[in-house]
Amino acid sequence: MSIFNQNLKSPLEVKVEWRRTSSKPPLTLSISALMLNKDNVINKLEDFVFYGTPSNGNDIISSDKSITCDAINFKDGFGTESSYKMNLELSKVSESIDRINIVVSINAKGDSSILPAFDSLTKAIFSIKDAAGLTFIAELNKTGESLCRCITVGLVRRYGNSWRFEEEMELKLGGLELIYDEYMCDSIINNTPFNVIGDLSIIENKYKETIKQTTITKGGRKNVFERTVEVISTQIGKLTGASEPQKPWKGHRARHNPESIEVTNITSQEDNKNKRKPWKGKTKTTEIKSDMTGQFASRNKVQVQQTHKPWKNQNPKQKLDDDKTPSAPIQTSEPDTGGKRKFPKVKRPDMQSDSQGISASSSTPKRKFPKIKKKHNI
């Protein structure tokens, strides 16, 4: 069904597809929307929606959010073929807007003395379609003008509460700057000329800055940190000969990403105070003292590992019964020393006095002293 003289159903999809034989000079096609008042003038710069309108990195959105279009693809959009789309939500258009002119333009990247026109393209198909399926299609590469780089394809006019599409094919022997100077009010042209907002080199620099800021906002710094840790861990693994890279220290990771650490066990401060780390070695059942008074507590009966030999005052053959918790400390052959290690006493030779002299219980020979005869005076 023809789109003419029919009330349009929002939203509208506007599209242009193009192809050419060579990618030089670099150029791209775009769609612009001129939101005009009843005097056919643009009163605000925001009502001129084109490829130079500020974008979020992916799409260009008008100030009233009624128009959304593609941002120029600076990576692949200057090749031999591509496409450009725009969507119009007519219900969101301001009441001060009477009609919307739709313009297709060729935009060159960089300085070029010879700019190609529409007739140099092998394909340039324009289409507009509403939500009900009403469609209008036009071929733009058969204009017959070698200098035509900008075409006003048609307009969407307001009729009360409805909108209708009208074909108004108008060729411009120049670029989009001619359309800007024709419909923009004089005050905006004097303050903001087109070469300031329409230069593709300036727009490309802003586009790269927007992508950079978006990457940082989405956590780029954390990703850089993780990549750095991964590279360092890989290098350490190569130097040490490890098959897998070493994991980073969790304490260092906690300051940057606390959620990455898995908490496997949470204990109270009292439990941590009474808990002692096990020794490495053979497992032996023994008891841990609860304080410095020398008393043993049955609740602290744990399995620990010892690496040293048992003390001499401890009977290693004596074991605790796992089923019954003793209420008294283990009885050993030696008395309780209050937690201090007791060393065996060194036996010293017992010295005994004798009427004939001093004798020792050791293996040393006894020394005999001669008896002294006392003289008695008569």
Protein backbone atom coordinates (compact mmCIF):
# COMPACT_ATOMS: atom_id res chain seq x y z
CA MET A 1 0.00 0.00 0.00
CA SER A 2 1.24 3.48 -0.81
CA ILE A 3 2.41 5.60 2.08
CA PHE A 4 1.08 8.83 0.61
CA ASN A 5 -2.06 10.39 2.08
CA GLN A 6 -2.06 7.82 4.86
CA ASN A 7 -1.83 8.45 8.60
CA LEU A 8 1.44 7.04 9.80
CA LYS A 9 1.70 4.66 12.72
CA SER A 10 4.68 5.30 14.98
CA PRO A 11 7.52 4.43 15.08
CA LEU A 12 9.02 5.11 11.66
CA GLU A 13 12.11 3.29 10.40
CA VAL A 14 14.28 5.23 7.95
CA LYS A 15 17.19 3.46 6.24
CA VAL A 16 19.75 4.01 3.50
CA GLU A 17 21.99 1.28 2.02
CA TRP A 18 24.87 2.06 -0.28
CA ARG A 19 27.72 0.42 -2.20
CA ARG A 20 30.62 1.62 -4.33
CA THR A 21 33.54 0.10 -6.20
CA SER A 22 36.43 1.65 -4.23
CA SER A 23 37.00 2.65 -0.62
CA LYS A 24 39.03 5.72 -1.59
CA PRO A 25 38.49 8.49 -0.81
CA PRO A 26 36.98 7.44 2.54
CA LEU A 27 33.34 8.50 2.83
CA THR A 28 30.08 7.41 4.40
CA LEU A 29 26.35 8.12 4.00
CA SER A 30 24.13 9.37 6.82
CA ILE A 31 20.54 10.49 7.48
CA SER A 32 19.70 13.85 9.08
CA ALA A 33 16.41 15.07 10.57
CA LEU A 34 15.52 18.78 10.52
CA MET A 35 12.75 19.53 13.04
CA LEU A 36 11.13 22.73 11.71
CA ASN A 37 8.50 24.99 13.21
CA LYS A 38 5.59 26.54 11.30
CA ASP A 39 7.98 29.16 9.86
CA ASN A 40 10.23 26.40 8.41
CA VAL A 41 13.10 27.42 10.71
CA ILE A 42 15.17 25.51 13.27
CA ASN A 43 15.12 27.50 16.50
CA LYS A 44 17.36 25.22 18.58
CA LEU A 45 20.56 23.43 17.73
CA GLU A 46 19.16 20.28 19.39
CA ASP A 47 16.42 20.16 16.71
CA PHE A 48 19.06 19.50 14.04
CA VAL A 49 19.77 15.76 14.45
CA PHE A 50 22.65 14.51 12.29
CA TYR A 51 25.87 12.49 12.51
CA GLY A 52 27.56 15.25 14.57
CA THR A 53 24.97 15.21 17.38
CA PRO A 54 26.61 14.00 20.64
CA SER A 55 26.19 10.25 21.11
CA ASN A 56 26.65 7.74 23.93
CA GLY A 57 29.15 5.74 21.88
CA ASN A 58 26.55 3.56 20.13
CA ASP A 59 23.51 5.70 19.24
CA ILE A 60 22.59 9.34 18.68
CA ILE A 61 19.49 10.42 20.61
CA SER A 62 17.71 13.74 20.25
CA SER A 63 17.07 15.98 23.25
CA ASP A 64 13.35 15.04 23.40
CA LYS A 65 14.21 11.34 22.77
CA SER A 66 11.92 11.23 19.75
CA ILE A 67 14.72 10.44 17.24
CA THR A 68 17.37 7.73 17.51
CA CYS A 69 19.95 7.05 14.82
CA ASP A 70 23.23 5.23 14.35
CA ALA A 71 26.52 6.83 15.24
CA ILE A 72 29.06 6.85 12.42
CA ASN A 73 31.11 3.66 12.40
CA PHE A 74 34.65 5.01 12.21
CA LYS A 75 36.09 1.49 12.13
CA ASP A 76 34.18 -0.16 9.26
CA GLY A 77 31.80 2.54 8.03
CA PHE A 78 34.13 4.01 5.39
CA GLY A 79 34.52 0.89 3.27
CA THR A 80 32.94 -0.07 -0.03
CA GLU A 81 29.44 -0.70 1.43
CA SER A 82 27.43 -0.07 4.57
CA SER A 83 24.03 1.07 5.88
CA TYR A 84 22.61 3.76 8.17
CA LYS A 85 19.37 3.70 10.21
CA MET A 86 17.14 6.20 12.00
CA ASN A 87 13.98 5.68 14.09
CA LEU A 88 11.31 8.34 14.69
CA GLU A 89 8.92 8.12 17.64
CA LEU A 90 6.27 10.60 16.50
CA SER A 91 4.35 10.56 19.81
CA LYS A 92 7.36 12.14 21.59
CA VAL A 93 7.86 15.03 19.15
CA SER A 94 7.33 18.48 20.69
CA GLU A 95 4.10 20.30 19.81
CA SER A 96 6.11 23.26 18.50
CA ILE A 97 7.42 21.10 15.62
CA ASP A 98 5.27 21.25 12.49
CA ARG A 99 7.26 19.02 10.16
CA ILE A 100 10.45 16.93 9.97
CA ASN A 101 12.60 17.07 6.83
CA ILE A 102 14.61 13.92 6.08
CA VAL A 103 17.95 14.45 4.34
CA VAL A 104 20.54 11.94 3.03
CA SER A 105 24.10 13.21 2.60
CA ILE A 106 27.55 11.99 1.55
CA ASN A 107 30.16 12.81 4.19
CA ALA A 108 33.87 12.61 3.36
CA LYS A 109 36.57 11.84 5.90
CA GLY A 110 39.61 14.08 5.67
CA ASP A 111 40.48 16.73 3.15
CA SER A 112 39.75 15.89 -0.46
CA SER A 113 39.72 18.18 -3.45
CA ILE A 114 37.39 15.89 -5.42
CA LEU A 115 34.39 14.63 -3.47
CA PRO A 116 32.29 11.91 -5.12
CA ALA A 117 28.55 12.44 -5.65
CA PHE A 118 25.58 10.09 -5.58
CA ASP A 119 25.94 9.15 -9.25
CA SER A 120 29.38 7.65 -8.48
CA LEU A 121 27.79 5.01 -6.22
CA THR A 122 26.71 1.66 -7.62
CA LYS A 123 23.89 1.43 -5.07
CA ALA A 124 22.09 3.98 -2.87
CA ILE A 125 18.60 2.89 -1.79
CA PHE A 126 16.50 4.98 0.61
CA SER A 127 13.46 3.51 2.41
CA ILE A 128 10.96 4.65 5.05
CA LYS A 129 8.45 2.33 6.73
CA ASP A 130 5.94 2.79 9.54
CA ALA A 131 4.73 0.26 12.13
CA ALA A 132 1.75 -0.71 9.94
CA GLY A 133 4.00 -1.67 7.01
CA LEU A 134 3.48 1.42 4.79
CA THR A 135 6.69 1.80 2.79
CA PHE A 136 8.36 4.30 0.46
CA ILE A 137 11.53 3.37 -1.50
CA ALA A 138 13.71 5.57 -3.74
CA GLU A 139 17.00 5.10 -5.62
CA LEU A 140 19.40 7.99 -5.02
CA ASN A 141 22.33 6.93 -7.21
CA LYS A 142 20.59 7.98 -10.45
CA THR A 143 20.40 11.73 -10.00
CA GLY A 144 22.42 12.66 -13.09
CA GLU A 145 24.26 15.39 -11.17
CA SER A 146 28.00 14.97 -10.63
CA LEU A 147 28.10 17.49 -7.76
CA CYS A 148 25.05 16.34 -5.82
CA ARG A 149 26.14 15.24 -2.33
CA CYS A 150 22.98 16.06 -0.38
CA ILE A 151 19.33 15.15 -1.12
CA THR A 152 16.14 16.07 0.72
CA VAL A 153 14.12 12.91 0.17
CA GLY A 154 10.84 13.86 1.85
CA LEU A 155 9.16 15.18 4.97
CA VAL A 156 6.81 14.03 7.70
CA ARG A 157 4.13 16.67 8.30
CA ARG A 158 1.78 17.06 11.25
CA TYR A 159 -1.98 16.94 10.55
CA GLY A 160 -3.73 17.58 13.86
CA ASN A 161 -2.88 14.58 16.02
CA SER A 162 -1.65 12.53 13.04
CA TRP A 163 1.43 12.53 10.81
CA ARG A 164 1.72 11.94 7.06
CA PHE A 165 4.67 11.44 4.73
CA GLU A 166 5.16 13.69 1.68
CA GLU A 167 7.74 13.12 -1.04
CA GLU A 168 9.83 16.21 -1.70
CA MET A 169 12.92 15.28 -3.68
CA GLU A 170 15.35 18.22 -3.70
CA LEU A 171 18.99 18.01 -4.84
CA LYS A 172 21.76 20.16 -3.37
CA LEU A 173 24.94 20.82 -5.36
CA GLY A 174 27.05 20.63 -2.25
CA GLY A 175 27.10 18.99 1.15
CA LEU A 176 25.08 19.08 4.34
CA GLU A 177 26.47 22.51 5.21
CA LEU A 178 24.11 24.02 2.60
CA ILE A 179 21.08 22.54 4.35
CA TYR A 180 22.38 23.79 7.71
CA ASP A 181 22.78 27.36 6.45
CA GLU A 182 19.38 27.32 4.77
CA TYR A 183 17.17 26.21 7.68
CA MET A 184 19.10 27.18 10.83
CA CYS A 185 18.33 30.55 12.45
CA ASP A 186 20.97 33.27 12.04
CA SER A 187 21.88 33.52 15.73
CA ILE A 188 22.90 29.85 15.87
CA ILE A 189 24.83 30.06 12.59
CA ASN A 190 26.86 33.00 13.87
CA ASN A 191 27.69 31.31 17.18
CA THR A 192 28.08 27.73 15.89
CA PRO A 193 29.09 27.43 12.23
CA PHE A 194 28.75 24.02 10.58
CA ASN A 195 32.49 23.40 10.20
CA VAL A 196 32.77 23.35 14.01
CA ILE A 197 30.13 20.66 14.58
CA GLY A 198 30.32 18.81 11.24
CA ASP A 199 34.06 18.13 10.91
CA LEU A 200 34.49 14.34 10.93
CA SER A 201 38.03 14.50 12.33
CA ILE A 202 36.78 16.37 15.43
CA ILE A 203 33.83 13.98 15.78
CA GLU A 204 36.15 10.98 15.55
CA ASN A 205 38.33 12.30 18.41
CA LYS A 206 35.23 12.84 20.57
CA TYR A 207 34.04 9.34 19.71
CA LYS A 208 37.33 7.78 20.85
CA GLU A 209 37.24 9.77 24.10
CA THR A 210 33.67 8.60 24.76
CA ILE A 211 34.66 4.96 24.24
CA LYS A 212 37.61 5.40 26.61
CA GLN A 213 35.43 6.92 29.36
CA THR A 214 32.81 4.20 28.91
CA THR A 215 35.48 1.51 29.34
CA ILE A 216 36.74 3.05 32.61
CA THR A 217 33.18 3.44 33.94
CA LYS A 218 32.40 -0.22 33.33
CA GLY A 219 35.33 -1.41 35.45
CA GLY A 220 38.24 -1.09 33.12
CA ARG A 221 40.63 -0.38 36.00
CA LYS A 222 39.72 -3.55 37.76
CA ASN A 223 40.13 -5.49 34.52
CA VAL A 224 43.56 -3.93 34.01
CA PHE A 225 44.52 -4.96 37.55
CA GLU A 226 43.35 -8.52 37.01
CA ARG A 227 45.22 -8.75 33.72
CA THR A 228 48.37 -7.43 35.39
CA VAL A 229 48.13 -10.00 38.19
CA GLU A 230 47.54 -12.74 35.63
CA VAL A 231 50.61 -11.73 33.61
CA ILE A 232 52.81 -11.56 36.73
CA SER A 233 51.53 -14.93 37.95
CA THR A 234 52.23 -16.48 34.56
CA GLN A 235 55.79 -15.14 34.53
CA ILE A 236 56.40 -16.45 38.06
CA GLY A 237 55.04 -19.84 37.01
CA LYS A 238 57.46 -19.95 34.08
CA LEU A 239 60.45 -19.06 36.29
CA THR A 240 59.57 -21.60 38.99
CA GLY A 241 58.64 -24.29 36.49
CA ALA A 242 55.09 -24.55 37.79
CA SER A 243 52.53 -26.07 35.44
CA GLU A 244 49.86 -23.53 36.44
CA PRO A 245 50.27 -19.85 37.29
CA GLN A 246 50.34 -19.08 40.97
CA LYS A 247 47.25 -17.56 42.49
CA PRO A 248 47.59 -13.97 43.71
CA TRP A 249 47.66 -13.20 47.39
CA LYS A 250 44.07 -12.94 48.59
CA GLY A 251 44.89 -10.20 51.06
CA HIS A 252 46.00 -7.97 48.19
CA ARG A 253 42.93 -8.87 46.16
CA ALA A 254 40.64 -7.97 49.06
CA ARG A 255 41.47 -4.28 48.84
CA HIS A 256 40.40 -4.19 45.20
CA ASN A 257 37.64 -6.78 45.03
CA PRO A 258 36.50 -8.01 48.48
CA GLU A 259 33.70 -10.06 46.94
CA SER A 260 36.20 -12.32 45.14
CA ILE A 261 37.34 -13.93 48.42
CA GLU A 262 35.22 -16.88 49.57
CA VAL A 263 34.77 -17.12 53.34
CA THR A 264 34.76 -20.83 54.22
CA ASN A 265 34.61 -20.67 58.01
CA ILE A 266 33.66 -17.90 60.41
CA THR A 267 34.45 -18.34 64.09
CA SER A 268 34.06 -16.07 67.06
CA GLN A 269 36.98 -14.35 68.75
CA GLU A 270 36.63 -16.67 71.75
CA ASP A 271 36.94 -19.75 69.55
CA ASN A 272 39.96 -18.32 67.78
CA LYS A 273 41.56 -17.55 71.15
CA ASN A 274 41.26 -21.15 72.36
CA LYS A 275 42.10 -22.67 69.03
CA ARG A 276 45.69 -23.63 68.33
CA LYS A 277 47.26 -24.64 65.10
CA PRO A 278 48.12 -28.37 64.84
CA TRP A 279 51.75 -29.47 64.72
CA LYS A 280 53.07 -31.35 61.73
CA GLY A 281 54.24 -34.88 62.44
CA LYS A 282 52.84 -38.06 63.93
CA THR A 283 49.38 -37.82 65.44
CA LYS A 284 49.23 -38.40 69.17
CA THR A 285 46.43 -37.87 71.63
CA THR A 286 47.24 -35.32 74.29
CA GLU A 287 45.61 -32.42 76.08
CA ILE A 288 46.00 -28.66 75.80
CA LYS A 289 46.16 -26.52 78.95
CA SER A 290 43.44 -23.89 79.23
CA ASP A 291 45.41 -21.46 81.41
CA MET A 292 48.76 -20.92 83.14
CA THR A 293 47.71 -22.40 86.51
CA GLY A 294 48.67 -25.95 85.61
CA GLN A 295 45.09 -27.22 85.52
CA PHE A 296 43.89 -29.23 82.55
CA ALA A 297 40.46 -28.72 80.99
CA SER A 298 38.57 -31.68 79.56
CA ARG A 299 36.79 -29.50 76.99
CA ASN A 300 40.09 -28.80 75.27
CA LYS A 301 40.70 -32.41 74.43
CA VAL A 302 41.85 -32.27 70.81
CA GLN A 303 43.88 -34.28 68.39
CA VAL A 304 47.20 -32.59 67.77
CA GLN A 305 50.36 -33.58 65.98
CA GLN A 306 53.75 -33.68 67.69
CA THR A 307 57.13 -33.64 66.07
CA HIS A 308 59.24 -33.86 69.24
CA LYS A 309 59.77 -36.86 71.44
CA PRO A 310 57.61 -37.21 74.57
CA TRP A 311 58.97 -35.87 77.84
CA LYS A 312 60.52 -38.24 80.28
CA ASN A 313 57.88 -37.51 82.86
CA GLN A 314 55.12 -38.39 80.39
CA ASN A 315 54.06 -41.95 79.81
CA PRO A 316 53.63 -42.31 76.00
CA LYS A 317 51.81 -45.63 76.35
CA GLN A 318 48.98 -44.08 78.30
CA LYS A 319 46.13 -42.98 76.02
CA LEU A 320 42.86 -41.23 76.56
CA ASP A 321 39.58 -43.01 76.11
CA ASP A 322 37.70 -41.28 73.26
CA ASP A 323 34.31 -42.29 74.62
CA LYS A 324 34.88 -40.99 78.12
CA THR A 325 36.22 -37.56 78.79
CA PRO A 326 38.44 -37.57 81.91
CA SER A 327 37.64 -35.11 84.62
CA ALA A 328 41.18 -35.18 86.00
CA PRO A 329 44.57 -34.78 84.34
CA ILE A 330 46.60 -37.73 83.13
CA GLN A 331 48.44 -39.39 86.02
CA THR A 332 52.08 -39.98 85.22
CA SER A 333 54.91 -41.50 87.16
CA GLU A 334 56.26 -38.07 88.00
CA PRO A 335 54.44 -35.34 90.01
CA ASP A 336 52.85 -32.34 88.26
CA THR A 337 55.36 -29.63 87.50
CA GLY A 338 52.88 -26.90 86.58
CA GLY A 339 53.53 -27.08 82.87
CA LYS A 340 57.33 -26.77 83.12
CA ARG A 341 59.58 -29.36 81.58
CA LYS A 342 61.35 -31.37 84.29
CA PHE A 343 64.83 -32.66 83.68
CA PRO A 344 66.13 -35.73 85.53
CA LYS A 345 68.25 -35.04 88.55
CA VAL A 346 71.94 -35.81 88.35
CA LYS A 347 73.02 -38.22 91.07
CA ARG A 348 75.89 -36.94 93.08
CA PRO A 349 78.13 -39.13 95.24
CA ASP A 350 76.92 -39.40 98.82
CA MET A 351 79.62 -38.28 101.20
CA GLN A 352 79.63 -40.05 104.60
CA SER A 353 81.80 -39.39 107.65
CA ASP A 354 83.68 -42.19 109.29
CA SER A 355 85.52 -42.46 112.54
CA GLN A 356 88.58 -43.38 110.59
CA GLY A 357 88.10 -40.76 107.86
CA ILE A 358 85.76 -39.72 105.08
CA SER A 359 84.41 -42.36 102.77
CA ALA A 360 82.48 -41.83 99.50
CA SER A 361 79.93 -44.06 97.92
CA SER A 362 81.46 -43.55 94.54
CA SER A 363 83.99 -45.77 92.84
CA THR A 364 86.92 -43.61 93.93
CA PRO A 365 89.26 -45.39 96.38
CA LYS A 366 88.97 -44.55 100.02
CA ARG A 367 91.74 -42.47 101.41
CA LYS A 368 92.98 -43.53 104.82
CA PHE A 369 94.68 -41.14 107.09
CA PRO A 370 97.18 -42.47 109.73
CA LYS A 371 96.06 -42.41 113.27
CA ILE A 372 97.70 -39.81 115.43
CA LYS A 373 98.81 -41.05 118.83
CA LYS A 374 98.19 -38.68 121.59
CA LYS A 375 100.86 -38.22 124.17
CA HIS A 376 99.82 -38.16 127.79
CA ASN A 377 101.91 -36.30 130.26
CA ILE A 378 102.42 -38.20 133.44
